[in-house]
Amino acid sequence: MFEQKTHNISELISFLESDYPQLEVEWIYSESNLIEYGKDLISSCGMLEAIFNEISKFNGHTNIYLRIHGYKSWIVIRIEGNFMFPEKSPVIIKEADKVNALLNIESEDNSVVIKLAIEIS
């Protein structure tokens, strides 16, 4: 589990890449934007861990694209790639409810787009 005291995007990336080496993640983000939203970045970590767990559970080596940024009172995350993912995963739905996130999962064949907006205070 990611240390709650850490608010740095590069530390978050290092943590997720070391815990999920089978996922090749292309991170798309603005360093200056995430510095501004750094203290709120932690609110997205549990959700990202849950999603990475689900992707890992159903797939082997997988390439994914992940865009993350802060906007007004939200941390916005978009994950897409060609992998299997359950659209109605109870784990993901429960985690989204816990962090007050808007969640949309779209899939067609093996192509998946996961859109998240996590409300921050």
PDB file of N, CA and C in Angstrom:
ATOM      1  N   MET A   1       0.843  -1.188   0.000  1.00  0.00           N
ATOM      2  CA  MET A   1       0.000   0.000   0.000  1.00  0.00           C
ATOM      3  C   MET A   1       0.882   1.243   0.000  1.00  0.00           C
ATOM      4  N   PHE A   2       0.485   2.218  -0.772  1.00  0.00           N
ATOM      5  CA  PHE A   2       1.237   3.463  -0.918  1.00  0.00           C
ATOM      6  C   PHE A   2       1.206   4.248   0.383  1.00  0.00           C
ATOM      7  N   GLU A   3       2.363   4.786   0.786  1.00  0.00           N
ATOM      8  CA  GLU A   3       2.461   5.561   2.025  1.00  0.00           C
ATOM      9  C   GLU A   3       1.627   6.834   1.939  1.00  0.00           C
ATOM     10  N   GLN A   4       0.729   6.996   2.890  1.00  0.00           N
ATOM     11  CA  GLN A   4      -0.169   8.159   2.904  1.00  0.00           C
ATOM     12  C   GLN A   4       0.582   9.479   3.075  1.00  0.00           C
ATOM     13  N   LYS A   5       1.795   9.455   3.613  1.00  0.00           N
ATOM     14  CA  LYS A   5       2.542  10.693   3.833  1.00  0.00           C
ATOM     15  C   LYS A   5       3.189  11.223   2.554  1.00  0.00           C
ATOM     16  N   THR A   6       3.218  10.430   1.498  1.00  0.00           N
ATOM     17  CA  THR A   6       3.881  10.812   0.258  1.00  0.00           C
ATOM     18  C   THR A   6       2.887  11.511  -0.665  1.00  0.00           C
ATOM     19  N   HIS A   7       3.324  12.621  -1.232  1.00  0.00           N
ATOM     20  CA  HIS A   7       2.431  13.390  -2.094  1.00  0.00           C
ATOM     21  C   HIS A   7       3.049  13.673  -3.460  1.00  0.00           C
ATOM     22  N   ASN A   8       4.094  12.947  -3.812  1.00  0.00           N
ATOM     23  CA  ASN A   8       4.870  13.237  -4.991  1.00  0.00           C
ATOM     24  C   ASN A   8       4.494  12.267  -6.117  1.00  0.00           C
ATOM     25  N   ILE A   9       4.238  12.783  -7.311  1.00  0.00           N
ATOM     26  CA  ILE A   9       3.826  11.932  -8.437  1.00  0.00           C
ATOM     27  C   ILE A   9       4.910  10.936  -8.805  1.00  0.00           C
ATOM     28  N   SER A  10       6.176  11.337  -8.757  1.00  0.00           N
ATOM     29  CA  SER A  10       7.229  10.391  -9.127  1.00  0.00           C
ATOM     30  C   SER A  10       7.320   9.246  -8.124  1.00  0.00           C
ATOM     31  N   GLU A  11       7.050   9.509  -6.843  1.00  0.00           N
ATOM     32  CA  GLU A  11       7.031   8.431  -5.844  1.00  0.00           C
ATOM     33  C   GLU A  11       5.831   7.515  -6.061  1.00  0.00           C
ATOM     34  N   LEU A  12       4.698   8.076  -6.431  1.00  0.00           N
ATOM     35  CA  LEU A  12       3.518   7.269  -6.741  1.00  0.00           C
ATOM     36  C   LEU A  12       3.799   6.366  -7.946  1.00  0.00           C
ATOM     37  N   ILE A  13       4.400   6.929  -8.985  1.00  0.00           N
ATOM     38  CA  ILE A  13       4.728   6.149 -10.181  1.00  0.00           C
ATOM     39  C   ILE A  13       5.696   5.023  -9.828  1.00  0.00           C
ATOM     40  N   SER A  14       6.740   5.335  -9.079  1.00  0.00           N
ATOM     41  CA  SER A  14       7.720   4.314  -8.685  1.00  0.00           C
ATOM     42  C   SER A  14       7.064   3.193  -7.897  1.00  0.00           C
ATOM     43  N   PHE A  15       6.183   3.565  -6.977  1.00  0.00           N
ATOM     44  CA  PHE A  15       5.488   2.564  -6.168  1.00  0.00           C
ATOM     45  C   PHE A  15       4.655   1.637  -7.057  1.00  0.00           C
ATOM     46  N   LEU A  16       3.828   2.213  -7.923  1.00  0.00           N
ATOM     47  CA  LEU A  16       2.945   1.401  -8.750  1.00  0.00           C
ATOM     48  C   LEU A  16       3.740   0.551  -9.744  1.00  0.00           C
ATOM     49  N   GLU A  17       4.812   1.107 -10.309  1.00  0.00           N
ATOM     50  CA  GLU A  17       5.610   0.327 -11.249  1.00  0.00           C
ATOM     51  C   GLU A  17       6.348  -0.822 -10.564  1.00  0.00           C
ATOM     52  N   SER A  18       6.773  -0.625  -9.312  1.00  0.00           N
ATOM     53  CA  SER A  18       7.464  -1.722  -8.611  1.00  0.00           C
ATOM     54  C   SER A  18       6.480  -2.792  -8.156  1.00  0.00           C
ATOM     55  N   ASP A  19       5.272  -2.405  -7.771  1.00  0.00           N
ATOM     56  CA  ASP A  19       4.273  -3.380  -7.328  1.00  0.00           C
ATOM     57  C   ASP A  19       3.558  -4.083  -8.483  1.00  0.00           C
ATOM     58  N   TYR A  20       3.560  -3.487  -9.652  1.00  0.00           N
ATOM     59  CA  TYR A  20       2.873  -4.053 -10.815  1.00  0.00           C
ATOM     60  C   TYR A  20       3.817  -4.073 -12.020  1.00  0.00           C
ATOM     61  N   PRO A  21       4.911  -4.856 -11.949  1.00  0.00           N
ATOM     62  CA  PRO A  21       5.894  -4.837 -13.039  1.00  0.00           C
ATOM     63  C   PRO A  21       5.352  -5.383 -14.362  1.00  0.00           C
ATOM     64  N   GLN A  22       4.275  -6.157 -14.319  1.00  0.00           N
ATOM     65  CA  GLN A  22       3.707  -6.718 -15.551  1.00  0.00           C
ATOM     66  C   GLN A  22       2.904  -5.671 -16.319  1.00  0.00           C
ATOM     67  N   LEU A  23       2.672  -4.503 -15.728  1.00  0.00           N
ATOM     68  CA  LEU A  23       1.942  -3.435 -16.411  1.00  0.00           C
ATOM     69  C   LEU A  23       2.934  -2.404 -16.937  1.00  0.00           C
ATOM     70  N   GLU A  24       2.959  -2.244 -18.240  1.00  0.00           N
ATOM     71  CA  GLU A  24       3.766  -1.197 -18.872  1.00  0.00           C
ATOM     72  C   GLU A  24       2.875   0.033 -18.947  1.00  0.00           C
ATOM     73  N   VAL A  25       3.146   1.013 -18.099  1.00  0.00           N
ATOM     74  CA  VAL A  25       2.286   2.190 -18.012  1.00  0.00           C
ATOM     75  C   VAL A  25       2.971   3.376 -18.674  1.00  0.00           C
ATOM     76  N   GLU A  26       2.266   3.985 -19.617  1.00  0.00           N
ATOM     77  CA  GLU A  26       2.733   5.251 -20.177  1.00  0.00           C
ATOM     78  C   GLU A  26       1.975   6.345 -19.429  1.00  0.00           C
ATOM     79  N   TRP A  27       2.703   7.055 -18.596  1.00  0.00           N
ATOM     80  CA  TRP A  27       2.113   8.097 -17.748  1.00  0.00           C
ATOM     81  C   TRP A  27       2.057   9.403 -18.517  1.00  0.00           C
ATOM     82  N   ILE A  28       0.899  10.044 -18.486  1.00  0.00           N
ATOM     83  CA  ILE A  28       0.719  11.333 -19.134  1.00  0.00           C
ATOM     84  C   ILE A  28       0.209  12.289 -18.060  1.00  0.00           C
ATOM     85  N   TYR A  29       1.016  13.281 -17.745  1.00  0.00           N
ATOM     86  CA  TYR A  29       0.636  14.227 -16.704  1.00  0.00           C
ATOM     87  C   TYR A  29       1.468  15.493 -16.828  1.00  0.00           C
ATOM     88  N   SER A  30       1.002  16.545 -16.181  1.00  0.00           N
ATOM     89  CA  SER A  30       1.733  17.803 -16.105  1.00  0.00           C
ATOM     90  C   SER A  30       2.318  17.902 -14.704  1.00  0.00           C
ATOM     91  N   GLU A  31       3.632  17.969 -14.624  1.00  0.00           N
ATOM     92  CA  GLU A  31       4.302  18.061 -13.316  1.00  0.00           C
ATOM     93  C   GLU A  31       3.793  19.272 -12.529  1.00  0.00           C
ATOM     94  N   SER A  32       3.658  20.425 -13.188  1.00  0.00           N
ATOM     95  CA  SER A  32       3.220  21.631 -12.475  1.00  0.00           C
ATOM     96  C   SER A  32       1.780  21.505 -11.982  1.00  0.00           C
ATOM     97  N   ASN A  33       0.925  20.866 -12.774  1.00  0.00           N
ATOM     98  CA  ASN A  33      -0.460  20.663 -12.351  1.00  0.00           C
ATOM     99  C   ASN A  33      -0.515  19.759 -11.126  1.00  0.00           C
ATOM    100  N   LEU A  34       0.269  18.678 -11.138  1.00  0.00           N
ATOM    101  CA  LEU A  34       0.219  17.741 -10.020  1.00  0.00           C
ATOM    102  C   LEU A  34       0.947  18.251  -8.786  1.00  0.00           C
ATOM    103  N   ILE A  35       1.874  19.185  -8.951  1.00  0.00           N
ATOM    104  CA  ILE A  35       2.471  19.833  -7.779  1.00  0.00           C
ATOM    105  C   ILE A  35       1.377  20.615  -7.064  1.00  0.00           C
ATOM    106  N   GLU A  36       0.562  21.315  -7.836  1.00  0.00           N
ATOM    107  CA  GLU A  36      -0.549  22.083  -7.258  1.00  0.00           C
ATOM    108  C   GLU A  36      -1.547  21.178  -6.532  1.00  0.00           C
ATOM    109  N   TYR A  37      -1.779  19.980  -7.067  1.00  0.00           N
ATOM    110  CA  TYR A  37      -2.756  19.048  -6.501  1.00  0.00           C
ATOM    111  C   TYR A  37      -2.098  17.928  -5.692  1.00  0.00           C
ATOM    112  N   GLY A  38      -0.813  18.082  -5.375  1.00  0.00           N
ATOM    113  CA  GLY A  38      -0.048  17.027  -4.718  1.00  0.00           C
ATOM    114  C   GLY A  38      -0.676  16.469  -3.461  1.00  0.00           C
ATOM    115  N   LYS A  39      -1.174  17.344  -2.581  1.00  0.00           N
ATOM    116  CA  LYS A  39      -1.743  16.842  -1.322  1.00  0.00           C
ATOM    117  C   LYS A  39      -3.011  16.028  -1.562  1.00  0.00           C
ATOM    118  N   ASP A  40      -3.667  16.254  -2.681  1.00  0.00           N
ATOM    119  CA  ASP A  40      -4.894  15.523  -2.984  1.00  0.00           C
ATOM    120  C   ASP A  40      -4.645  14.273  -3.831  1.00  0.00           C
ATOM    121  N   LEU A  41      -3.416  14.130  -4.310  1.00  0.00           N
ATOM    122  CA  LEU A  41      -3.078  12.985  -5.144  1.00  0.00           C
ATOM    123  C   LEU A  41      -3.286  11.671  -4.405  1.00  0.00           C
ATOM    124  N   ILE A  42      -3.066  11.682  -3.106  1.00  0.00           N
ATOM    125  CA  ILE A  42      -3.226  10.476  -2.289  1.00  0.00           C
ATOM    126  C   ILE A  42      -4.644   9.927  -2.402  1.00  0.00           C
ATOM    127  N   SER A  43      -5.627  10.790  -2.553  1.00  0.00           N
ATOM    128  CA  SER A  43      -7.009  10.316  -2.638  1.00  0.00           C
ATOM    129  C   SER A  43      -7.222   9.409  -3.847  1.00  0.00           C
ATOM    130  N   SER A  44      -6.359   9.507  -4.844  1.00  0.00           N
ATOM    131  CA  SER A  44      -6.495   8.668  -6.035  1.00  0.00           C
ATOM    132  C   SER A  44      -5.726   7.360  -5.919  1.00  0.00           C
ATOM    133  N   CYS A  45      -4.835   7.243  -4.965  1.00  0.00           N
ATOM    134  CA  CYS A  45      -3.937   6.094  -4.913  1.00  0.00           C
ATOM    135  C   CYS A  45      -4.658   4.772  -4.657  1.00  0.00           C
ATOM    136  N   GLY A  46      -5.564   4.739  -3.709  1.00  0.00           N
ATOM    137  CA  GLY A  46      -6.304   3.502  -3.433  1.00  0.00           C
ATOM    138  C   GLY A  46      -7.100   3.048  -4.639  1.00  0.00           C
ATOM    139  N   MET A  47      -7.658   4.011  -5.344  1.00  0.00           N
ATOM    140  CA  MET A  47      -8.423   3.705  -6.547  1.00  0.00           C
ATOM    141  C   MET A  47      -7.507   3.145  -7.638  1.00  0.00           C
ATOM    142  N   LEU A  48      -6.346   3.767  -7.821  1.00  0.00           N
ATOM    143  CA  LEU A  48      -5.389   3.266  -8.810  1.00  0.00           C
ATOM    144  C   LEU A  48      -4.905   1.862  -8.456  1.00  0.00           C
ATOM    145  N   GLU A  49      -4.626   1.629  -7.175  1.00  0.00           N
ATOM    146  CA  GLU A  49      -4.203   0.291  -6.744  1.00  0.00           C
ATOM    147  C   GLU A  49      -5.278  -0.745  -7.049  1.00  0.00           C
ATOM    148  N   ALA A  50      -6.534  -0.413  -6.758  1.00  0.00           N
ATOM    149  CA  ALA A  50      -7.638  -1.346  -7.014  1.00  0.00           C
ATOM    150  C   ALA A  50      -7.757  -1.651  -8.508  1.00  0.00           C
ATOM    151  N   ILE A  51      -7.632  -0.635  -9.340  1.00  0.00           N
ATOM    152  CA  ILE A  51      -7.713  -0.830 -10.794  1.00  0.00           C
ATOM    153  C   ILE A  51      -6.524  -1.655 -11.286  1.00  0.00           C
ATOM    154  N   PHE A  52      -5.326  -1.332 -10.822  1.00  0.00           N
ATOM    155  CA  PHE A  52      -4.136  -2.096 -11.226  1.00  0.00           C
ATOM    156  C   PHE A  52      -4.265  -3.550 -10.784  1.00  0.00           C
ATOM    157  N   ASN A  53      -4.818  -3.792  -9.594  1.00  0.00           N
ATOM    158  CA  ASN A  53      -5.041  -5.171  -9.128  1.00  0.00           C
ATOM    159  C   ASN A  53      -5.976  -5.917 -10.071  1.00  0.00           C
ATOM    160  N   GLU A  54      -7.068  -5.272 -10.468  1.00  0.00           N
ATOM    161  CA  GLU A  54      -8.031  -5.915 -11.361  1.00  0.00           C
ATOM    162  C   GLU A  54      -7.418  -6.179 -12.735  1.00  0.00           C
ATOM    163  N   ILE A  55      -6.668  -5.226 -13.263  1.00  0.00           N
ATOM    164  CA  ILE A  55      -6.017  -5.438 -14.556  1.00  0.00           C
ATOM    165  C   ILE A  55      -5.046  -6.613 -14.445  1.00  0.00           C
ATOM    166  N   SER A  56      -4.259  -6.647 -13.383  1.00  0.00           N
ATOM    167  CA  SER A  56      -3.278  -7.722 -13.179  1.00  0.00           C
ATOM    168  C   SER A  56      -3.944  -9.077 -13.025  1.00  0.00           C
ATOM    169  N   LYS A  57      -5.099  -9.097 -12.371  1.00  0.00           N
ATOM    170  CA  LYS A  57      -5.808 -10.348 -12.120  1.00  0.00           C
ATOM    171  C   LYS A  57      -6.256 -11.019 -13.417  1.00  0.00           C
ATOM    172  N   PHE A  58      -6.648 -10.232 -14.404  1.00  0.00           N
ATOM    173  CA  PHE A  58      -7.231 -10.769 -15.632  1.00  0.00           C
ATOM    174  C   PHE A  58      -6.292 -10.768 -16.839  1.00  0.00           C
ATOM    175  N   ASN A  59      -5.067 -10.236 -16.660  1.00  0.00           N
ATOM    176  CA  ASN A  59      -4.164 -10.075 -17.795  1.00  0.00           C
ATOM    177  C   ASN A  59      -2.732 -10.398 -17.396  1.00  0.00           C
ATOM    178  N   GLY A  60      -1.931 -10.771 -18.368  1.00  0.00           N
ATOM    179  CA  GLY A  60      -0.490 -10.943 -18.156  1.00  0.00           C
ATOM    180  C   GLY A  60       0.190  -9.602 -18.373  1.00  0.00           C
ATOM    181  N   HIS A  61       1.267  -9.600 -19.132  1.00  0.00           N
ATOM    182  CA  HIS A  61       1.970  -8.364 -19.470  1.00  0.00           C
ATOM    183  C   HIS A  61       1.028  -7.488 -20.294  1.00  0.00           C
ATOM    184  N   THR A  62       0.835  -6.245 -19.859  1.00  0.00           N
ATOM    185  CA  THR A  62      -0.157  -5.374 -20.474  1.00  0.00           C
ATOM    186  C   THR A  62       0.379  -3.953 -20.603  1.00  0.00           C
ATOM    187  N   ASN A  63       0.122  -3.331 -21.740  1.00  0.00           N
ATOM    188  CA  ASN A  63       0.451  -1.918 -21.943  1.00  0.00           C
ATOM    189  C   ASN A  63      -0.798  -1.089 -21.677  1.00  0.00           C
ATOM    190  N   ILE A  64      -0.642  -0.059 -20.851  1.00  0.00           N
ATOM    191  CA  ILE A  64      -1.767   0.842 -20.599  1.00  0.00           C
ATOM    192  C   ILE A  64      -1.285   2.289 -20.673  1.00  0.00           C
ATOM    193  N   TYR A  65      -2.219   3.164 -20.966  1.00  0.00           N
ATOM    194  CA  TYR A  65      -1.974   4.601 -20.978  1.00  0.00           C
ATOM    195  C   TYR A  65      -2.772   5.201 -19.834  1.00  0.00           C
ATOM    196  N   LEU A  66      -2.108   6.019 -19.038  1.00  0.00           N
ATOM    197  CA  LEU A  66      -2.768   6.603 -17.878  1.00  0.00           C
ATOM    198  C   LEU A  66      -2.524   8.106 -17.889  1.00  0.00           C
ATOM    199  N   ARG A  67      -3.611   8.859 -17.923  1.00  0.00           N
ATOM    200  CA  ARG A  67      -3.531  10.326 -17.849  1.00  0.00           C
ATOM    201  C   ARG A  67      -4.118  10.745 -16.523  1.00  0.00           C
ATOM    202  N   ILE A  68      -3.407  11.584 -15.796  1.00  0.00           N
ATOM    203  CA  ILE A  68      -3.882  12.041 -14.493  1.00  0.00           C
ATOM    204  C   ILE A  68      -3.631  13.544 -14.379  1.00  0.00           C
ATOM    205  N   HIS A  69      -4.639  14.268 -13.891  1.00  0.00           N
ATOM    206  CA  HIS A  69      -4.477  15.701 -13.674  1.00  0.00           C
ATOM    207  C   HIS A  69      -5.516  16.198 -12.673  1.00  0.00           C
ATOM    208  N   GLY A  70      -5.230  17.331 -12.097  1.00  0.00           N
ATOM    209  CA  GLY A  70      -6.184  17.985 -11.208  1.00  0.00           C
ATOM    210  C   GLY A  70      -6.953  19.032 -11.981  1.00  0.00           C
ATOM    211  N   TYR A  71      -8.232  19.161 -11.655  1.00  0.00           N
ATOM    212  CA  TYR A  71      -9.078  20.180 -12.283  1.00  0.00           C
ATOM    213  C   TYR A  71     -10.104  20.630 -11.264  1.00  0.00           C
ATOM    214  N   LYS A  72     -10.041  21.904 -10.907  1.00  0.00           N
ATOM    215  CA  LYS A  72     -10.928  22.477  -9.891  1.00  0.00           C
ATOM    216  C   LYS A  72     -10.917  21.608  -8.645  1.00  0.00           C
ATOM    217  N   SER A  73     -12.012  20.972  -8.299  1.00  0.00           N
ATOM    218  CA  SER A  73     -12.051  20.160  -7.071  1.00  0.00           C
ATOM    219  C   SER A  73     -12.043  18.663  -7.387  1.00  0.00           C
ATOM    220  N   TRP A  74     -11.301  18.283  -8.445  1.00  0.00           N
ATOM    221  CA  TRP A  74     -11.276  16.883  -8.876  1.00  0.00           C
ATOM    222  C   TRP A  74      -9.858  16.439  -9.215  1.00  0.00           C
ATOM    223  N   ILE A  75      -9.579  15.169  -8.983  1.00  0.00           N
ATOM    224  CA  ILE A  75      -8.440  14.480  -9.591  1.00  0.00           C
ATOM    225  C   ILE A  75      -9.065  13.640 -10.706  1.00  0.00           C
ATOM    226  N   VAL A  76      -8.629  13.865 -11.932  1.00  0.00           N
ATOM    227  CA  VAL A  76      -9.225  13.212 -13.092  1.00  0.00           C
ATOM    228  C   VAL A  76      -8.219  12.192 -13.643  1.00  0.00           C
ATOM    229  N   ILE A  77      -8.688  10.960 -13.831  1.00  0.00           N
ATOM    230  CA  ILE A  77      -7.826   9.875 -14.295  1.00  0.00           C
ATOM    231  C   ILE A  77      -8.506   9.187 -15.482  1.00  0.00           C
ATOM    232  N   ARG A  78      -7.716   8.930 -16.498  1.00  0.00           N
ATOM    233  CA  ARG A  78      -8.207   8.170 -17.662  1.00  0.00           C
ATOM    234  C   ARG A  78      -7.187   7.076 -17.942  1.00  0.00           C
ATOM    235  N   ILE A  79      -7.657   5.842 -17.961  1.00  0.00           N
ATOM    236  CA  ILE A  79      -6.804   4.689 -18.234  1.00  0.00           C
ATOM    237  C   ILE A  79      -7.362   3.998 -19.464  1.00  0.00           C
ATOM    238  N   GLU A  80      -6.493   3.715 -20.423  1.00  0.00           N
ATOM    239  CA  GLU A  80      -6.976   2.958 -21.576  1.00  0.00           C
ATOM    240  C   GLU A  80      -5.913   2.004 -22.084  1.00  0.00           C
ATOM    241  N   GLY A  81      -6.386   0.969 -22.752  1.00  0.00           N
ATOM    242  CA  GLY A  81      -5.490  -0.029 -23.312  1.00  0.00           C
ATOM    243  C   GLY A  81      -6.269  -1.218 -23.831  1.00  0.00           C
ATOM    244  N   ASN A  82      -5.539  -2.187 -24.299  1.00  0.00           N
ATOM    245  CA  ASN A  82      -6.135  -3.426 -24.789  1.00  0.00           C
ATOM    246  C   ASN A  82      -5.936  -4.508 -23.746  1.00  0.00           C
ATOM    247  N   PHE A  83      -6.924  -4.686 -22.887  1.00  0.00           N
ATOM    248  CA  PHE A  83      -6.850  -5.676 -21.827  1.00  0.00           C
ATOM    249  C   PHE A  83      -8.257  -6.068 -21.403  1.00  0.00           C
ATOM    250  N   MET A  84      -8.347  -7.180 -20.699  1.00  0.00           N
ATOM    251  CA  MET A  84      -9.628  -7.637 -20.160  1.00  0.00           C
ATOM    252  C   MET A  84      -9.871  -6.905 -18.848  1.00  0.00           C
ATOM    253  N   PHE A  85     -11.114  -6.462 -18.637  1.00  0.00           N
ATOM    254  CA  PHE A  85     -11.456  -5.773 -17.394  1.00  0.00           C
ATOM    255  C   PHE A  85     -12.953  -5.926 -17.154  1.00  0.00           C
ATOM    256  N   PRO A  86     -13.341  -6.348 -15.947  1.00  0.00           N
ATOM    257  CA  PRO A  86     -14.775  -6.508 -15.657  1.00  0.00           C
ATOM    258  C   PRO A  86     -15.451  -5.137 -15.521  1.00  0.00           C
ATOM    259  N   GLU A  87     -16.487  -4.907 -16.314  1.00  0.00           N
ATOM    260  CA  GLU A  87     -17.173  -3.610 -16.276  1.00  0.00           C
ATOM    261  C   GLU A  87     -17.879  -3.349 -14.948  1.00  0.00           C
ATOM    262  N   LYS A  88     -18.294  -4.392 -14.277  1.00  0.00           N
ATOM    263  CA  LYS A  88     -19.035  -4.208 -13.029  1.00  0.00           C
ATOM    264  C   LYS A  88     -18.297  -4.860 -11.856  1.00  0.00           C
ATOM    265  N   SER A  89     -17.018  -4.584 -11.759  1.00  0.00           N
ATOM    266  CA  SER A  89     -16.198  -5.141 -10.684  1.00  0.00           C
ATOM    267  C   SER A  89     -16.659  -4.583  -9.336  1.00  0.00           C
ATOM    268  N   PRO A  90     -17.102  -5.454  -8.414  1.00  0.00           N
ATOM    269  CA  PRO A  90     -17.544  -4.963  -7.099  1.00  0.00           C
ATOM    270  C   PRO A  90     -16.419  -4.279  -6.330  1.00  0.00           C
ATOM    271  N   VAL A  91     -15.183  -4.722  -6.532  1.00  0.00           N
ATOM    272  CA  VAL A  91     -14.041  -4.108  -5.844  1.00  0.00           C
ATOM    273  C   VAL A  91     -13.878  -2.657  -6.290  1.00  0.00           C
ATOM    274  N   ILE A  92     -13.958  -2.430  -7.587  1.00  0.00           N
ATOM    275  CA  ILE A  92     -13.786  -1.085  -8.139  1.00  0.00           C
ATOM    276  C   ILE A  92     -14.963  -0.191  -7.748  1.00  0.00           C
ATOM    277  N   ILE A  93     -16.162  -0.711  -7.822  1.00  0.00           N
ATOM    278  CA  ILE A  93     -17.353   0.069  -7.452  1.00  0.00           C
ATOM    279  C   ILE A  93     -17.294   0.457  -5.979  1.00  0.00           C
ATOM    280  N   LYS A  94     -16.894  -0.473  -5.127  1.00  0.00           N
ATOM    281  CA  LYS A  94     -16.780  -0.185  -3.687  1.00  0.00           C
ATOM    282  C   LYS A  94     -15.722   0.886  -3.427  1.00  0.00           C
ATOM    283  N   GLU A  95     -14.571   0.765  -4.085  1.00  0.00           N
ATOM    284  CA  GLU A  95     -13.496   1.755  -3.911  1.00  0.00           C
ATOM    285  C   GLU A  95     -13.933   3.127  -4.423  1.00  0.00           C
ATOM    286  N   ALA A  96     -14.651   3.161  -5.542  1.00  0.00           N
ATOM    287  CA  ALA A  96     -15.143   4.430  -6.091  1.00  0.00           C
ATOM    288  C   ALA A  96     -16.117   5.094  -5.120  1.00  0.00           C
ATOM    289  N   ASP A  97     -16.984   4.301  -4.514  1.00  0.00           N
ATOM    290  CA  ASP A  97     -17.921   4.847  -3.529  1.00  0.00           C
ATOM    291  C   ASP A  97     -17.184   5.395  -2.315  1.00  0.00           C
ATOM    292  N   LYS A  98     -16.131   4.693  -1.899  1.00  0.00           N
ATOM    293  CA  LYS A  98     -15.380   5.079  -0.710  1.00  0.00           C
ATOM    294  C   LYS A  98     -14.705   6.443  -0.886  1.00  0.00           C
ATOM    295  N   VAL A  99     -14.212   6.734  -2.093  1.00  0.00           N
ATOM    296  CA  VAL A  99     -13.501   7.996  -2.317  1.00  0.00           C
ATOM    297  C   VAL A  99     -14.362   9.033  -3.042  1.00  0.00           C
ATOM    298  N   ASN A 100     -15.658   8.779  -3.144  1.00  0.00           N
ATOM    299  CA  ASN A 100     -16.577   9.711  -3.793  1.00  0.00           C
ATOM    300  C   ASN A 100     -16.133  10.020  -5.229  1.00  0.00           C
ATOM    301  N   ALA A 101     -16.009   8.974  -6.034  1.00  0.00           N
ATOM    302  CA  ALA A 101     -15.540   9.116  -7.413  1.00  0.00           C
ATOM    303  C   ALA A 101     -16.661   8.856  -8.406  1.00  0.00           C
ATOM    304  N   LEU A 102     -16.628   9.596  -9.490  1.00  0.00           N
ATOM    305  CA  LEU A 102     -17.469   9.295 -10.637  1.00  0.00           C
ATOM    306  C   LEU A 102     -16.674   8.302 -11.478  1.00  0.00           C
ATOM    307  N   LEU A 103     -17.308   7.214 -11.870  1.00  0.00           N
ATOM    308  CA  LEU A 103     -16.610   6.137 -12.558  1.00  0.00           C
ATOM    309  C   LEU A 103     -17.371   5.743 -13.814  1.00  0.00           C
ATOM    310  N   ASN A 104     -16.636   5.608 -14.923  1.00  0.00           N
ATOM    311  CA  ASN A 104     -17.221   5.138 -16.169  1.00  0.00           C
ATOM    312  C   ASN A 104     -16.244   4.156 -16.795  1.00  0.00           C
ATOM    313  N   ILE A 105     -16.713   2.942 -17.075  1.00  0.00           N
ATOM    314  CA  ILE A 105     -15.884   1.920 -17.713  1.00  0.00           C
ATOM    315  C   ILE A 105     -16.534   1.537 -19.036  1.00  0.00           C
ATOM    316  N   GLU A 106     -15.799   1.721 -20.118  1.00  0.00           N
ATOM    317  CA  GLU A 106     -16.294   1.365 -21.444  1.00  0.00           C
ATOM    318  C   GLU A 106     -15.371   0.300 -22.019  1.00  0.00           C
ATOM    319  N   SER A 107     -15.963  -0.745 -22.585  1.00  0.00           N
ATOM    320  CA  SER A 107     -15.119  -1.752 -23.216  1.00  0.00           C
ATOM    321  C   SER A 107     -15.783  -2.278 -24.481  1.00  0.00           C
ATOM    322  N   GLU A 108     -14.925  -2.591 -25.426  1.00  0.00           N
ATOM    323  CA  GLU A 108     -15.369  -3.203 -26.676  1.00  0.00           C
ATOM    324  C   GLU A 108     -14.264  -4.163 -27.086  1.00  0.00           C
ATOM    325  N   ASP A 109     -14.601  -5.431 -27.226  1.00  0.00           N
ATOM    326  CA  ASP A 109     -13.602  -6.475 -27.436  1.00  0.00           C
ATOM    327  C   ASP A 109     -12.599  -6.411 -26.280  1.00  0.00           C
ATOM    328  N   ASN A 110     -11.330  -6.220 -26.560  1.00  0.00           N
ATOM    329  CA  ASN A 110     -10.320  -6.103 -25.507  1.00  0.00           C
ATOM    330  C   ASN A 110      -9.914  -4.666 -25.229  1.00  0.00           C
ATOM    331  N   SER A 111     -10.539  -3.712 -25.885  1.00  0.00           N
ATOM    332  CA  SER A 111     -10.203  -2.308 -25.699  1.00  0.00           C
ATOM    333  C   SER A 111     -11.031  -1.729 -24.548  1.00  0.00           C
ATOM    334  N   VAL A 112     -10.340  -1.156 -23.563  1.00  0.00           N
ATOM    335  CA  VAL A 112     -11.015  -0.649 -22.368  1.00  0.00           C
ATOM    336  C   VAL A 112     -10.613   0.801 -22.121  1.00  0.00           C
ATOM    337  N   VAL A 113     -11.601   1.612 -21.719  1.00  0.00           N
ATOM    338  CA  VAL A 113     -11.352   2.979 -21.271  1.00  0.00           C
ATOM    339  C   VAL A 113     -12.014   3.122 -19.907  1.00  0.00           C
ATOM    340  N   ILE A 114     -11.212   3.479 -18.912  1.00  0.00           N
ATOM    341  CA  ILE A 114     -11.711   3.701 -17.547  1.00  0.00           C
ATOM    342  C   ILE A 114     -11.555   5.187 -17.270  1.00  0.00           C
ATOM    343  N   LYS A 115     -12.668   5.844 -16.951  1.00  0.00           N
ATOM    344  CA  LYS A 115     -12.645   7.275 -16.645  1.00  0.00           C
ATOM    345  C   LYS A 115     -13.054   7.466 -15.196  1.00  0.00           C
ATOM    346  N   LEU A 116     -12.257   8.252 -14.488  1.00  0.00           N
ATOM    347  CA  LEU A 116     -12.509   8.520 -13.074  1.00  0.00           C
ATOM    348  C   LEU A 116     -12.411  10.010 -12.799  1.00  0.00           C
ATOM    349  N   ALA A 117     -13.264  10.481 -11.952  1.00  0.00           N
ATOM    350  CA  ALA A 117     -13.136  11.830 -11.411  1.00  0.00           C
ATOM    351  C   ALA A 117     -13.341  11.694  -9.910  1.00  0.00           C
ATOM    352  N   ILE A 118     -12.279  11.961  -9.146  1.00  0.00           N
ATOM    353  CA  ILE A 118     -12.324  11.784  -7.691  1.00  0.00           C
ATOM    354  C   ILE A 118     -12.441  13.165  -7.061  1.00  0.00           C
ATOM    355  N   GLU A 119     -13.511  13.372  -6.318  1.00  0.00           N
ATOM    356  CA  GLU A 119     -13.732  14.664  -5.677  1.00  0.00           C
ATOM    357  C   GLU A 119     -12.754  14.861  -4.531  1.00  0.00           C
ATOM    358  N   ILE A 120     -12.169  16.055  -4.495  1.00  0.00           N
ATOM    359  CA  ILE A 120     -11.238  16.393  -3.419  1.00  0.00           C
ATOM    360  C   ILE A 120     -11.816  17.552  -2.615  1.00  0.00           C
ATOM    361  N   SER A 121     -11.334  17.705  -1.401  1.00  0.00           N
ATOM    362  CA  SER A 121     -11.892  18.771  -0.563  1.00  0.00           C
ATOM    363  C   SER A 121     -10.999  19.986  -0.552  1.00  0.00           C
TER     364      SER A 121
END
